[in-house]
């Protein structure tokens, strides 16, 4: 698990990126794939809450791809602020972390780290749909890591990393759209505005900036080096 695996061919990395972009941009696919973003979002809330010493009561994931993480502790202060920040920032940052591992050819480590994170989260899930979503996601990752050959594992790992990086911005856009229609009065951005006095729109901007920076940094790690791309001189007739 801690060893390195052969780097995948350039075309597999590109295809994975295109498929991830289609998954984010195609509404019917997004409605299903967004469950993965919700898992990362709520998992981020839960992890940061625990880091700051808050008591985690549980996590619920819903079929409309919304979720809620309930923790107890001081109603204000750094712990509450960073817990609120973690939701929208975790998916792109997790994608960036995956990109770092993949750039070091740690494909197996990335897949099994994903399973470990899902297993830790499963303990705190408090509803049936949440259990179904987390177990189902873990089952797919396990099947790929256990049964897939090197190219299947690499393709899936790069698809997951690309998806989290690309999917980081869409929920932020959806958040601001709902806020502009007064449909999300208790959103993370509005809670942060209440906690810090900084306007909610500014926090939406912070979420968007982190997502964009993560995407640019992650893409630079994932995209094949120019030396691995086919050269014009290698093409027939040139």
Protein backbone atom coordinates (compact mmCIF):
# COMPACT_ATOMS: atom_id res chain seq x y z
CA UNK A 1 0.00 0.00 0.00
CA UNK A 2 2.88 2.39 0.71
CA UNK A 3 4.72 1.49 -2.48
CA UNK A 4 4.54 3.32 -5.79
CA UNK A 5 2.66 2.24 -8.88
CA UNK A 6 3.48 2.90 -12.54
CA UNK A 7 2.26 6.26 -13.81
CA UNK A 8 -0.75 5.81 -16.11
CA UNK A 9 -0.57 6.72 -19.81
CA UNK A 10 -1.23 10.39 -20.57
CA UNK A 11 -4.46 9.69 -22.40
CA UNK A 12 -5.97 7.97 -19.33
CA UNK A 13 -5.35 11.07 -17.21
CA UNK A 14 -6.95 13.29 -19.84
CA UNK A 15 -9.96 11.00 -20.30
CA UNK A 16 -10.47 10.90 -16.52
CA UNK A 17 -10.46 14.69 -16.43
CA UNK A 18 -12.97 14.96 -19.28
CA UNK A 19 -15.29 12.43 -17.63
CA UNK A 20 -15.07 14.32 -14.33
CA UNK A 21 -15.92 17.59 -16.11
CA UNK A 22 -18.92 15.94 -17.77
CA UNK A 23 -20.07 14.55 -14.41
CA UNK A 24 -20.00 18.05 -12.91
CA UNK A 25 -21.61 19.75 -15.90
CA UNK A 26 -24.29 17.19 -16.82
CA UNK A 27 -27.30 17.82 -14.50
CA UNK A 28 -28.64 14.23 -14.25
CA UNK A 29 -25.15 12.86 -13.54
CA UNK A 30 -24.41 15.70 -11.13
CA UNK A 31 -27.50 14.91 -9.06
CA UNK A 32 -26.03 11.48 -8.35
CA UNK A 33 -22.34 12.39 -8.19
CA UNK A 34 -23.04 15.28 -5.84
CA UNK A 35 -23.54 12.72 -3.06
CA UNK A 36 -19.76 12.26 -3.07
CA UNK A 37 -19.29 16.00 -2.56
CA UNK A 38 -21.78 15.92 0.32
CA UNK A 39 -19.84 13.09 1.97
CA UNK A 40 -16.65 15.16 1.77
CA UNK A 41 -18.46 18.33 2.89
CA UNK A 42 -19.99 16.80 6.01
CA UNK A 43 -16.85 14.80 6.71
CA UNK A 44 -14.89 18.06 6.71
CA UNK A 45 -17.27 19.59 9.25
CA UNK A 46 -16.97 16.50 11.45
CA UNK A 47 -13.17 16.22 11.31
CA UNK A 48 -12.54 19.88 12.13
CA UNK A 49 -15.11 19.79 14.93
CA UNK A 50 -13.22 16.90 16.51
CA UNK A 51 -9.86 18.61 16.02
CA UNK A 52 -11.12 21.62 17.98
CA UNK A 53 -12.46 19.45 20.78
CA UNK A 54 -16.14 19.66 19.97
CA UNK A 55 -18.35 16.64 20.72
CA UNK A 56 -19.67 15.10 17.52
CA UNK A 57 -23.28 13.92 17.85
CA UNK A 58 -23.68 12.56 14.34
CA UNK A 59 -23.89 13.07 10.59
CA UNK A 60 -26.94 12.74 8.36
CA UNK A 61 -26.86 12.54 4.56
CA UNK A 62 -30.09 13.06 2.65
CA UNK A 63 -31.35 11.87 -0.74
CA UNK A 64 -31.56 15.47 -2.02
CA UNK A 65 -27.74 15.57 -1.57
CA UNK A 66 -28.00 17.85 1.45
CA UNK A 67 -26.48 16.89 4.78
CA UNK A 68 -26.07 18.02 8.35
CA UNK A 69 -23.36 17.51 10.94
CA UNK A 70 -24.29 18.11 14.57
CA UNK A 71 -21.59 18.91 17.12
CA UNK A 72 -21.68 20.34 20.62
CA UNK A 73 -19.40 22.82 22.28
CA UNK A 74 -18.97 26.57 22.55
CA UNK A 75 -21.47 28.31 20.24
CA UNK A 76 -18.77 30.70 19.09
CA UNK A 77 -15.00 31.02 18.92
CA UNK A 78 -12.35 29.53 16.58
CA UNK A 79 -13.65 25.97 16.87
CA UNK A 80 -17.07 26.91 15.59
CA UNK A 81 -15.67 29.21 12.90
CA UNK A 82 -13.28 26.64 11.45
CA UNK A 83 -15.92 23.92 11.66
CA UNK A 84 -18.22 26.08 9.53
CA UNK A 85 -15.44 26.93 7.07
CA UNK A 86 -14.53 23.26 6.57
CA UNK A 87 -17.66 22.18 4.70
CA UNK A 88 -17.26 23.90 1.34
CA UNK A 89 -13.47 23.87 1.45
CA UNK A 90 -12.96 20.16 2.13
CA UNK A 91 -13.94 18.68 -1.29
CA UNK A 92 -11.44 20.75 -3.33
CA UNK A 93 -8.73 20.46 -0.68
CA UNK A 94 -9.29 16.69 -0.54
CA UNK A 95 -8.99 16.61 -4.32
CA UNK A 96 -5.72 18.53 -4.03
CA UNK A 97 -4.46 16.04 -1.44
CA UNK A 98 -5.35 13.18 -3.78
CA UNK A 99 -3.52 14.97 -6.60
CA UNK A 100 -0.39 15.19 -4.44
CA UNK A 101 -0.50 11.44 -3.81
CA UNK A 102 -1.13 10.64 -7.48
CA UNK A 103 1.70 12.90 -8.62
CA UNK A 104 3.96 10.76 -6.41
CA UNK A 105 2.52 7.57 -8.01
CA UNK A 106 0.82 6.55 -4.74
CA UNK A 107 -2.35 5.29 -6.39
CA UNK A 108 -3.02 2.41 -3.99
CA UNK A 109 -2.36 4.60 -0.96
CA UNK A 110 -4.84 7.17 -2.25
CA UNK A 111 -7.57 4.53 -2.73
CA UNK A 112 -7.05 2.95 0.69
CA UNK A 113 -6.83 6.34 2.39
CA UNK A 114 -10.25 7.06 0.89
CA UNK A 115 -11.58 3.82 2.38
CA UNK A 116 -10.14 4.70 5.78
CA UNK A 117 -11.80 8.12 5.73
CA UNK A 118 -15.14 6.59 4.74
CA UNK A 119 -14.84 3.98 7.48
CA UNK A 120 -14.16 6.62 10.10
CA UNK A 121 -17.14 8.65 8.87
CA UNK A 122 -19.47 5.63 8.83
CA UNK A 123 -19.25 5.35 12.61
CA UNK A 124 -20.92 8.74 12.96
CA UNK A 125 -23.68 8.34 10.35
CA UNK A 126 -27.12 8.49 11.95
CA UNK A 127 -29.57 7.71 9.13
CA UNK A 128 -30.19 4.88 6.68
CA UNK A 129 -29.58 6.86 3.50
CA UNK A 130 -26.29 8.09 4.90
CA UNK A 131 -25.18 4.54 5.65
CA UNK A 132 -26.24 3.42 2.16
CA UNK A 133 -24.31 6.27 0.51
CA UNK A 134 -21.09 5.83 2.49
CA UNK A 135 -21.11 2.02 2.27
CA UNK A 136 -21.94 2.13 -1.44
CA UNK A 137 -19.12 4.56 -2.16
CA UNK A 138 -16.71 2.47 -0.12
CA UNK A 139 -17.80 -0.72 -1.89
CA UNK A 140 -17.02 0.78 -5.29
CA UNK A 141 -13.57 1.94 -4.15
CA UNK A 142 -12.82 -1.43 -2.56
CA UNK A 143 -13.88 -3.32 -5.69
CA UNK A 144 -11.67 -1.15 -7.88
CA UNK A 145 -8.66 -1.40 -5.56
CA UNK A 146 -9.03 -5.15 -5.00
CA UNK A 147 -10.20 -6.41 -8.39
CA UNK A 148 -9.09 -3.80 -10.92
CA UNK A 149 -5.84 -3.95 -12.84
CA UNK A 150 -3.30 -1.13 -12.77
CA UNK A 151 -5.01 0.95 -15.47
CA UNK A 152 -8.46 0.56 -13.92
CA UNK A 153 -7.16 1.63 -10.51
CA UNK A 154 -5.26 4.57 -11.99
CA UNK A 155 -8.20 5.68 -14.12
CA UNK A 156 -10.57 5.55 -11.16
CA UNK A 157 -8.15 7.35 -8.84
CA UNK A 158 -7.54 10.15 -11.33
CA UNK A 159 -11.27 10.40 -12.01
CA UNK A 160 -11.93 10.82 -8.27
CA UNK A 161 -9.24 13.48 -7.89
CA UNK A 162 -10.35 15.41 -10.97
CA UNK A 163 -13.98 15.20 -9.85
CA UNK A 164 -13.35 16.62 -6.37
CA UNK A 165 -11.24 19.42 -7.83
CA UNK A 166 -13.76 20.34 -10.51
CA UNK A 167 -16.77 19.83 -8.26
CA UNK A 168 -15.44 22.24 -5.64
CA UNK A 169 -16.77 25.32 -7.42
CA UNK A 170 -20.29 24.24 -8.40
CA UNK A 171 -21.70 23.91 -4.85
CA UNK A 172 -20.34 27.40 -4.08
CA UNK A 173 -22.17 28.81 -7.10
CA UNK A 174 -25.33 26.97 -6.05
CA UNK A 175 -24.91 28.32 -2.52
CA UNK A 176 -24.78 31.94 -3.66
CA UNK A 177 -27.71 31.41 -6.02
CA UNK A 178 -29.81 30.11 -3.12
CA UNK A 179 -28.64 32.94 -0.86
CA UNK A 180 -29.63 35.52 -3.46
CA UNK A 181 -33.14 34.02 -3.46
CA UNK A 182 -33.24 33.94 0.36
CA UNK A 183 -33.52 30.14 0.27
CA UNK A 184 -30.53 29.38 2.52
CA UNK A 185 -30.76 31.56 5.65
CA UNK A 186 -28.79 29.02 7.72
CA UNK A 187 -26.05 28.32 5.19
CA UNK A 188 -22.43 27.94 6.25
CA UNK A 189 -21.67 31.41 4.86
CA UNK A 190 -24.47 33.01 6.86
CA UNK A 191 -23.47 31.19 10.03
CA UNK A 192 -19.93 32.49 9.52
CA UNK A 193 -21.30 36.00 9.03
CA UNK A 194 -23.09 35.69 12.36
CA UNK A 195 -19.98 34.30 14.09
CA UNK A 196 -17.44 36.76 12.68
CA UNK A 197 -19.31 39.86 11.55
CA UNK A 198 -17.83 39.39 8.04
CA UNK A 199 -20.59 39.45 5.38
CA UNK A 200 -21.78 36.11 4.05
CA UNK A 201 -20.91 37.09 0.49
CA UNK A 202 -17.29 37.51 1.55
CA UNK A 203 -17.28 33.97 2.91
CA UNK A 204 -18.73 32.70 -0.36
CA UNK A 205 -15.79 34.43 -2.03
CA UNK A 206 -13.38 32.64 0.33
CA UNK A 207 -14.96 29.29 -0.55
CA UNK A 208 -14.70 30.08 -4.27
CA UNK A 209 -11.08 31.23 -4.01
CA UNK A 210 -10.00 28.06 -2.18
CA UNK A 211 -11.83 25.93 -4.75
CA UNK A 212 -10.20 27.73 -7.70
CA UNK A 213 -6.69 27.69 -6.22
CA UNK A 214 -7.05 23.99 -5.39
CA UNK A 215 -8.22 23.28 -8.95
CA UNK A 216 -5.30 25.12 -10.52
CA UNK A 217 -2.74 23.54 -8.19
CA UNK A 218 -4.28 20.08 -8.52
CA UNK A 219 -4.49 20.29 -12.30
CA UNK A 220 -0.80 21.21 -12.50
CA UNK A 221 -0.03 18.04 -10.53
CA UNK A 222 -2.39 15.74 -12.40
CA UNK A 223 -1.86 16.86 -15.97
CA UNK A 224 0.75 14.81 -17.82
CA UNK A 225 4.19 16.30 -18.23
CA UNK A 226 4.93 17.50 -21.74
CA UNK A 227 7.68 14.89 -22.01
CA UNK A 228 5.06 12.13 -21.68
CA UNK A 229 2.79 13.57 -24.38
CA UNK A 230 3.13 12.38 -27.98
CA UNK A 231 5.41 14.60 -30.06
CA UNK A 232 4.60 15.70 -33.59
CA UNK A 233 7.72 13.92 -34.80
CA UNK A 234 6.32 10.67 -33.41
CA UNK A 235 3.14 10.86 -35.52
CA UNK A 236 2.98 8.93 -38.83
CA UNK A 237 3.95 10.94 -41.86
CA UNK A 238 5.66 13.73 -39.90
